[in-house]
Protein backbone atom coordinates (compact mmCIF):
# COMPACT_ATOMS: atom_id res chain seq x y z
CA MET A 1 9.80 17.72 21.02
CA GLY A 2 9.87 19.21 24.60
CA LEU A 3 6.36 19.68 25.80
CA SER A 4 5.72 21.29 29.22
CA PRO A 5 2.26 22.07 30.48
CA ILE A 6 1.08 25.75 30.87
CA PHE A 7 -1.73 26.73 33.09
CA PHE A 8 -4.06 29.54 31.93
CA PRO A 9 -6.42 30.52 34.79
CA LEU A 10 -9.85 30.04 33.46
CA LEU A 11 -11.40 33.32 34.70
CA LEU A 12 -8.43 35.52 34.19
CA ILE A 13 -8.31 35.45 30.39
CA VAL A 14 -8.16 38.91 28.64
CA LEU A 15 -9.21 39.19 24.93
CA PHE A 16 -6.80 41.16 22.65
CA SER A 17 -7.40 42.20 19.06
CA HIS A 18 -5.34 40.92 16.05
CA ALA A 19 -3.29 44.14 16.17
CA GLN A 20 -1.72 43.03 19.31
CA HIS A 21 -0.41 39.55 18.19
CA ASN A 22 3.11 40.78 17.74
CA ASP A 23 3.41 42.17 21.30
CA SER A 24 4.94 39.41 23.30
CA SER A 25 4.11 41.06 26.48
CA ARG A 26 0.43 40.33 26.15
CA LEU A 27 -1.51 37.06 26.33
CA VAL A 28 -3.38 36.70 23.16
CA ILE A 29 -6.36 34.29 23.26
CA ALA A 30 -8.50 35.39 20.21
CA ASP A 31 -8.96 37.44 17.16
CA ILE A 32 -11.85 39.81 17.08
CA VAL A 33 -13.48 40.23 13.73
CA THR A 34 -16.33 42.25 12.55
CA ILE A 35 -18.59 40.94 9.90
CA HIS A 36 -21.13 43.02 8.01
CA SER A 37 -24.27 40.80 7.84
CA LYS A 38 -26.49 41.25 4.89
CA VAL A 39 -28.89 38.77 6.54
CA LEU A 40 -29.19 40.80 9.72
CA ASN A 41 -28.45 44.16 8.05
CA ASP A 42 -26.02 44.87 10.94
CA ASP A 43 -22.42 44.58 11.98
CA ARG A 44 -21.67 41.72 14.33
CA LYS A 45 -18.42 40.79 16.09
CA ILE A 46 -17.10 37.34 16.46
CA GLN A 47 -14.06 36.22 18.53
CA ILE A 48 -11.93 33.46 16.99
CA TYR A 49 -9.55 31.39 19.15
CA THR A 50 -7.26 28.95 17.41
CA PRO A 51 -4.40 26.89 19.10
CA ALA A 52 -1.97 28.57 16.63
CA LEU A 53 -2.29 31.69 18.84
CA SER A 54 -1.06 29.90 21.80
CA ASN A 55 2.65 28.92 22.44
CA TRP A 56 2.16 25.51 20.65
CA ASN A 57 3.10 25.31 16.89
CA GLN A 58 2.32 21.84 16.26
CA PHE A 59 -1.34 22.54 15.41
CA GLN A 60 -0.48 25.38 12.71
CA GLY A 61 -1.89 24.17 9.30
CA GLN A 62 -3.82 21.36 10.85
CA PRO A 63 -7.53 21.21 9.95
CA LEU A 64 -9.61 21.48 13.11
CA PRO A 65 -13.19 20.96 14.29
CA VAL A 66 -15.04 24.09 15.24
CA LEU A 67 -16.93 24.98 18.33
CA TYR A 68 -19.57 27.85 17.64
CA LEU A 69 -20.21 29.58 20.95
CA LEU A 70 -23.35 31.63 21.45
CA ASP A 71 -23.01 34.73 23.95
CA GLY A 72 -19.47 34.70 22.96
CA ASP A 73 -18.78 37.93 24.78
CA ALA A 74 -19.17 36.17 27.99
CA LEU A 75 -18.00 32.66 27.23
CA THR A 76 -15.16 32.80 24.69
CA GLY A 77 -12.34 33.40 27.28
CA VAL A 78 -13.51 30.63 29.50
CA VAL A 79 -13.89 27.94 26.91
CA ALA A 80 -10.84 29.00 24.84
CA SER A 81 -8.55 28.92 28.03
CA GLU A 82 -10.05 25.52 29.02
CA LEU A 83 -9.46 24.09 25.51
CA ASN A 84 -6.08 25.52 25.33
CA TYR A 85 -5.23 23.71 28.61
CA LEU A 86 -6.77 20.37 27.82
CA SER A 87 -5.85 20.10 24.28
CA THR A 88 -2.40 21.54 24.10
CA SER A 89 -1.01 20.76 27.46
CA TYR A 90 -2.39 17.28 28.40
CA TYR A 91 -3.92 16.17 25.14
CA ILE A 92 -7.23 15.10 26.65
CA LEU A 93 -9.46 16.94 24.18
CA PRO A 94 -8.79 17.53 20.44
CA PRO A 95 -7.56 20.98 19.45
CA MET A 96 -10.25 22.91 17.86
CA ILE A 97 -11.19 26.48 16.77
CA VAL A 98 -13.61 28.36 19.01
CA VAL A 99 -15.82 31.09 17.39
CA GLY A 100 -17.54 33.24 19.87
CA ILE A 101 -20.61 34.98 18.43
CA SER A 102 -21.62 38.16 20.07
CA ASN A 103 -25.25 38.56 21.41
CA TYR A 104 -25.08 40.91 24.40
CA ASP A 105 -24.38 44.05 22.23
CA HIS A 106 -27.51 43.49 20.34
CA ASP A 107 -31.17 42.43 20.82
CA ARG A 108 -30.30 39.12 22.40
CA LEU A 109 -33.98 37.89 22.92
CA HIS A 110 -34.92 38.71 19.32
CA ASP A 111 -31.76 36.80 17.97
CA LEU A 112 -32.10 33.65 20.11
CA THR A 113 -35.91 33.01 20.32
CA PRO A 114 -37.66 30.89 17.74
CA SER A 115 -41.19 32.14 18.31
CA ILE A 116 -43.18 35.01 19.39
CA PRO A 117 -45.26 34.59 22.49
CA LYS A 118 -48.85 35.70 22.07
CA ASP A 119 -48.73 37.75 25.34
CA GLY A 120 -45.28 38.86 25.00
CA PHE A 121 -42.50 38.55 27.52
CA GLY A 122 -41.48 40.78 30.30
CA GLY A 123 -44.12 43.43 29.37
CA VAL A 124 -42.82 43.49 25.83
CA THR A 125 -44.91 42.57 22.93
CA GLY A 126 -44.52 42.84 19.16
CA LYS A 127 -42.97 40.86 16.33
CA ASP A 128 -39.71 42.81 16.32
CA ALA A 129 -38.93 41.88 19.90
CA PHE A 130 -38.76 38.04 19.57
CA GLY A 131 -38.59 35.28 16.97
CA GLY A 132 -35.43 36.03 15.19
CA ALA A 133 -33.69 32.56 15.78
CA ASP A 134 -34.15 31.26 12.22
CA LYS A 135 -32.81 34.60 10.73
CA PHE A 136 -29.81 34.38 13.25
CA ILE A 137 -29.21 30.69 12.28
CA GLU A 138 -29.09 31.67 8.63
CA PHE A 139 -26.50 34.45 9.41
CA ILE A 140 -24.38 31.78 11.18
CA SER A 141 -24.75 29.24 8.27
CA THR A 142 -24.42 31.65 5.32
CA GLU A 143 -22.26 34.35 6.71
CA ILE A 144 -20.12 33.04 9.60
CA PHE A 145 -19.57 29.47 8.16
CA PRO A 146 -18.04 30.79 4.90
CA TYR A 147 -15.80 33.27 6.69
CA ILE A 148 -14.30 30.79 9.08
CA GLU A 149 -13.91 27.90 6.51
CA SER A 150 -12.35 30.32 3.97
CA HIS A 151 -9.79 31.69 6.57
CA TYR A 152 -9.07 28.72 8.60
CA LYS A 153 -8.39 25.07 7.97
CA THR A 154 -11.32 23.27 9.33
CA GLU A 155 -12.60 19.71 9.64
CA PRO A 156 -16.16 18.85 8.71
CA PHE A 157 -17.35 18.72 12.33
CA ARG A 158 -19.12 21.67 13.79
CA ILE A 159 -20.37 22.03 17.50
CA LEU A 160 -22.91 24.70 18.50
CA ALA A 161 -23.06 25.65 22.34
CA GLY A 162 -25.30 28.00 24.01
CA HIS A 163 -26.57 28.87 27.49
CA SER A 164 -29.96 29.77 28.70
CA MET A 165 -31.65 31.44 25.55
CA GLY A 166 -28.54 30.36 23.58
CA GLY A 167 -29.35 26.88 24.66
CA LEU A 168 -32.91 27.24 23.42
CA LEU A 169 -31.55 28.42 20.02
CA ALA A 170 -29.08 25.47 19.98
CA PHE A 171 -31.91 22.99 20.61
CA HIS A 172 -34.16 24.70 18.21
CA CYS A 173 -31.36 24.30 15.48
CA LEU A 174 -31.05 20.63 16.21
CA VAL A 175 -34.72 19.94 15.69
CA ASN A 176 -35.15 22.15 12.68
CA HIS A 177 -31.68 22.33 11.00
CA PRO A 178 -29.96 19.28 12.26
CA SER A 179 -27.46 19.10 9.36
CA LEU A 180 -25.79 22.37 10.12
CA PHE A 181 -23.89 21.01 13.25
CA ASN A 182 -22.75 17.67 14.31
CA ALA A 183 -22.96 18.28 17.99
CA TYR A 184 -25.18 20.58 20.16
CA ILE A 185 -24.54 21.72 23.71
CA ALA A 186 -27.58 23.18 25.41
CA ILE A 187 -26.74 24.57 28.91
CA SER A 188 -29.93 25.25 30.95
CA PRO A 189 -31.84 25.87 27.66
CA SER A 190 -34.89 28.01 27.99
CA LEU A 191 -37.23 25.30 26.53
CA TRP A 192 -40.03 26.88 28.72
CA TRP A 193 -40.12 29.71 26.07
CA ASP A 194 -43.52 30.25 24.62
CA SER A 195 -45.14 27.45 26.61
CA SER A 196 -42.37 24.92 25.46
CA ARG A 197 -43.38 25.40 21.97
CA VAL A 198 -39.92 24.20 20.77
CA LEU A 199 -40.51 20.65 22.18
CA ARG A 200 -43.60 19.94 20.17
CA PRO A 201 -41.99 19.25 16.88
CA ALA A 202 -39.01 17.55 18.53
CA ASP A 203 -41.23 14.46 19.50
CA THR A 204 -41.36 13.63 15.65
CA GLN A 205 -38.42 15.51 14.11
CA LEU A 206 -35.41 14.21 16.20
CA ASN A 207 -35.36 10.97 14.31
CA LEU A 208 -32.44 12.02 12.20
CA SER A 209 -31.93 10.77 8.63
CA THR A 210 -28.82 12.82 7.75
CA GLY A 211 -26.66 9.73 7.35
CA LYS A 212 -24.33 10.92 10.27
CA SER A 213 -24.90 10.76 14.01
CA ARG A 214 -25.65 13.88 15.95
CA PHE A 215 -24.71 14.35 19.59
CA LEU A 216 -26.74 16.56 22.00
CA PHE A 217 -25.57 17.34 25.59
CA PHE A 218 -27.88 19.25 27.78
CA THR A 219 -28.05 20.34 31.38
CA ASP A 220 -29.76 22.52 33.90
CA ALA A 221 -28.80 23.71 37.35
CA ASN A 222 -30.72 24.73 40.52
CA GLU A 223 -33.18 26.98 38.54
CA GLY A 224 -36.17 24.65 39.33
CA GLY A 225 -39.67 25.95 38.17
CA ASN A 226 -40.48 25.89 34.40
CA MET A 227 -36.74 25.84 33.50
CA HIS A 228 -36.35 22.32 35.10
CA LEU A 229 -39.70 20.94 34.10
CA ALA A 230 -39.18 21.66 30.60
CA VAL A 231 -35.70 20.14 30.43
CA GLN A 232 -36.94 17.29 32.42
CA SER A 233 -39.67 16.86 29.73
CA LEU A 234 -37.08 16.65 27.09
CA ASP A 235 -35.19 14.05 28.85
CA SER A 236 -38.23 11.97 29.45
CA MET A 237 -39.01 12.14 25.78
CA LEU A 238 -35.61 11.08 24.73
CA VAL A 239 -35.53 8.24 27.10
CA GLN A 240 -38.96 7.05 25.75
CA LYS A 241 -38.26 7.55 22.11
CA HIS A 242 -34.60 6.77 21.73
CA PRO A 243 -34.30 8.78 18.48
CA SER A 244 -32.35 7.29 15.70
CA GLY A 245 -29.08 8.86 14.89
CA LEU A 246 -28.86 10.85 18.04
CA SER A 247 -26.39 10.27 21.04
CA TYR A 248 -27.43 12.32 24.11
CA LYS A 249 -26.55 12.91 27.67
CA TYR A 250 -28.39 14.94 30.37
CA ILE A 251 -26.83 16.11 33.55
CA ARG A 252 -28.49 18.27 36.39
CA TYR A 253 -26.21 20.35 38.66
CA PRO A 254 -28.36 20.97 41.79
CA GLU A 255 -25.40 22.74 43.51
CA GLU A 256 -24.73 25.08 40.63
CA SER A 257 -26.54 28.38 39.84
CA HIS A 258 -27.83 29.41 36.47
CA GLY A 259 -24.65 31.67 36.18
CA SER A 260 -22.06 29.28 37.54
CA GLU A 261 -23.29 26.34 35.65
CA PRO A 262 -21.66 27.01 32.20
CA ILE A 263 -18.05 26.44 33.42
CA LYS A 264 -18.62 22.96 34.61
CA ALA A 265 -21.18 22.14 31.96
CA ILE A 266 -18.83 22.94 29.08
CA ASP A 267 -15.97 20.81 30.60
CA ASP A 268 -18.56 17.84 31.00
CA ALA A 269 -19.91 18.35 27.58
CA LEU A 270 -16.63 18.26 25.77
CA ASN A 271 -15.24 15.28 27.84
CA TRP A 272 -18.65 13.43 27.08
CA LEU A 273 -18.39 14.18 23.52
CA TYR A 274 -14.52 13.33 23.33
CA PRO A 275 -14.17 10.54 25.87
CA ASN A 276 -11.10 8.93 24.42
CA TRP A 277 -9.52 11.14 21.92
CA PHE A 278 -5.80 10.20 22.11
CA PRO A 279 -4.67 6.72 22.77
CA GLY A 280 -2.42 5.91 25.67
CA ILE A 281 1.07 7.04 24.62
CA GLU A 282 3.08 4.68 26.56
CA ASP A 283 1.73 1.21 25.51
CA SER A 284 0.38 1.92 22.07
CA THR A 285 1.86 0.57 18.81
CA ALA A 286 1.58 1.95 15.30
CA PHE A 287 -1.13 -0.41 14.42
CA SER A 288 -3.08 0.42 17.56
CA VAL A 289 -2.88 4.04 17.03
CA GLU A 290 -4.06 3.63 13.35
CA GLN A 291 -6.95 1.54 14.48
CA HIS A 292 -7.80 3.97 17.36
CA PHE A 293 -8.06 6.95 14.79
CA SER A 294 -10.06 4.86 12.43
CA SER A 295 -12.56 4.09 15.14
CA LEU A 296 -12.75 7.93 15.82
CA SER A 297 -13.39 8.50 12.19
CA ALA A 298 -16.25 6.12 12.19
CA LYS A 299 -17.75 7.71 15.38
CA TYR A 300 -17.51 11.38 14.10
CA GLY A 301 -18.13 10.86 10.60
CA TYR A 302 -15.09 12.25 8.90
CA THR A 303 -11.48 10.99 8.35
CA ILE A 304 -9.26 11.52 11.24
CA ALA A 305 -5.66 10.89 10.74
CA PRO A 306 -3.22 10.31 13.66
CA PRO A 307 -1.71 13.67 14.31
CA GLU A 308 1.78 14.02 13.05
CA TRP A 309 3.30 15.51 16.21
CA PHE A 310 1.64 12.61 18.29
CA VAL A 311 3.07 9.91 16.10
CA ALA A 312 6.38 11.63 15.92
CA THR A 313 6.64 11.96 19.68
CA ARG A 314 5.78 8.33 20.23
CA GLY A 315 8.32 7.29 17.51
CA LEU A 316 11.16 9.30 18.81
CA ARG A 317 10.48 7.96 22.39
CA ILE A 318 10.52 4.36 21.24
CA LEU A 319 13.68 4.93 19.02
CA ASN A 320 15.55 6.29 21.86
CA ASN A 321 14.52 3.28 23.92
CA GLY A 322 16.23 1.04 21.21
CA ARG A 323 12.99 -0.47 19.71
CA ILE A 324 14.06 0.52 16.12
CA ASP A 325 11.64 -1.50 14.21
CA ASP A 326 8.65 -0.30 16.26
CA ALA A 327 9.89 3.30 15.71
CA ILE A 328 10.06 2.71 12.01
CA ALA A 329 6.48 1.62 11.93
CA PHE A 330 5.46 4.84 13.59
CA PHE A 331 7.59 7.05 11.22
CA GLN A 332 6.10 5.09 8.30
CA LEU A 333 2.58 5.82 9.60
CA ASN A 334 3.47 9.67 9.35
CA ALA A 335 5.10 9.21 5.89
CA GLU A 336 1.79 7.64 4.65
CA HIS A 337 -0.43 10.07 6.09
CA TYR A 338 1.69 13.26 5.65
CA PRO A 339 3.55 12.72 2.34
CA ALA A 340 4.28 16.43 2.10
CA SER A 341 6.06 16.58 5.42
CA ALA A 342 9.90 16.71 5.11
CA GLU A 343 10.11 16.02 8.85
CA ALA A 344 8.34 12.69 8.55
CA PHE A 345 10.81 11.35 6.02
CA VAL A 346 13.87 12.69 8.07
CA HIS A 347 12.65 10.82 11.13
CA LEU A 348 11.99 7.68 9.03
CA GLY A 349 15.59 8.15 7.63
CA ASP A 350 17.17 8.68 11.04
CA ALA A 351 15.39 5.35 12.13
CA PHE A 352 16.71 3.47 9.14
CA LEU A 353 20.28 4.99 9.76
CA LYS A 354 20.05 3.68 13.44
CA LYS A 355 19.17 0.19 11.98
CA ASN A 356 22.29 0.53 9.69
CA ASP A 357 20.14 0.44 6.46
CA LYS A 358 21.86 3.35 4.96
CA THR A 359 20.39 2.75 1.56
CA LYS A 360 16.82 3.37 2.91
CA ALA A 361 18.06 6.21 5.04
CA ILE A 362 19.53 7.98 2.06
CA GLU A 363 16.16 7.32 0.10
CA CYS A 364 14.18 8.98 2.86
CA TYR A 365 16.53 11.91 3.18
CA LYS A 366 16.40 12.61 -0.51
CA LYS A 367 12.54 12.59 -0.38
CA ALA A 368 12.76 15.10 2.58
CA ALA A 369 15.25 17.14 0.60
CA LYS A 370 12.87 17.51 -2.40
CA LEU A 371 10.11 18.66 0.09
CA SER A 372 12.39 21.20 2.07
CA PRO A 373 15.22 22.07 -0.42
CA GLU A 374 16.38 25.10 1.74
CA ASP A 375 17.06 22.90 4.72
CA LYS A 376 20.82 22.48 4.74
CA LYS A 377 20.85 19.82 7.55
CA ILE A 378 19.08 17.47 5.33
CA GLU A 379 21.79 17.82 2.57
CA GLN A 380 24.41 17.19 5.42
CA LYS A 381 22.64 13.99 6.49
CA ILE A 382 22.71 12.81 2.93
CA ALA A 383 26.34 13.62 2.37
CA ALA A 384 27.46 12.09 5.59
CA THR A 385 25.45 8.91 5.05
CA GLU A 386 26.62 8.44 1.45
CA HIS A 387 30.19 9.13 2.56
CA SER A 388 29.80 6.24 5.09
CA LEU A 389 28.70 3.72 2.60
C-alpha cells in the first residue's frame, strides 16, 4: 500500500463532534460523547480519538490499547495528534485509542484529590470540596470502561495519564487500585497534597501481586518547593525498595515550566513505554517478526499478533524484489493470524502464482473467494489461473 506521512501540528488541533465526520473540509480528531454518571450523579463529557478517524484505514477493526487521559479538555488534542503522527505516519508507537476525560468543567479539586486536608486548601474547607478521587476512579472503571469497551475494539491494556492533580490521581490509583490500568503516567504529580499522604501506603503497597507487570512514568519540571521534594521522595523510595512487578522511570525537566512540561513528558512517556514496537522493516524475516511480537506479548501481558498491514507491506516488498519463498513465509504468517481475511489469502495466492505453483495459488484464491464472495477480482484470478493449467 502507498503510505506517505502527514504532519499534524501539535498545537493547532481542533476538536469536532461526531456530527461533523462526513464534512471532508474539516479535520476530525475526536468524538465528543456525554455520559450520564450514576456514580457522580452528573453528566460528564469524554473525547474519544481513534486512528479510524484519521486518513489511515489499516487500523479499522483492529483491537487497540487505550490511553485514558485526565484533564482531557486541555490535553486530548495534543496527545491525539502526536499519536496520530507517530503511530500512523512513521510507526514508532502502536496505534491506540485516546479517551480524554473532562475535569475543567466540574469541581476538579474534588474529582482528583484522594483525601481531605485537615486545614483545607486555598482557604476552602469542607468534605464536599476535596477527596473525591476514589469516587472518580469508580466512575472511570464502572462507567467509562464499559462504554469504551462496548463501542470500540480494545486490547486488555489500559494506560492512565494525568498532569498535576491528575498525576496525583494516577499515582493514587496505582497504589490503591493497581489492577485497573497496566501503565500509569504521572506528570508533575501533586504528591505534596495533604502532607504527601498518598506516599505513606506506597511504601508497602507498591509490591504488586496482580500477576502482570505494571509501568510507572513520572516527572516534574522547574516547580521546585514541595512539588519537587515529594516527587524526589517517591523516586528515592522506588530506588531503595525496587517494588516487584513495577517498571518505572523518573525524569526531571528543569528547563520546562509546569505548563509546558506535559507536551514533552507525554512523548517521553510513550516512547519509554514502547521503546521498540515495530521491528526494522528492511532486514526482518517472517520468523523474526513473529518472535518480535511474541516478546512484546510477554512484556505487556496480552497476545499481540503481528499487524496484518505490516506483514503484508513487508511481504509485498520482498515479493517485488524476487524473494518469493521469503514473501510466502510472510503471507502465510498473515493467513495464520488472520484466517478471516480474504486479502491475506489473495496475497498468498499471488506469491504461489509467481512461484508457478498454480495448484496452491488456486487453493488460496478459493479460500479468499469464500471469505469475500462479492469480490469479482478474486473470481477472475481463479478463472485465469485454472485456464492456464
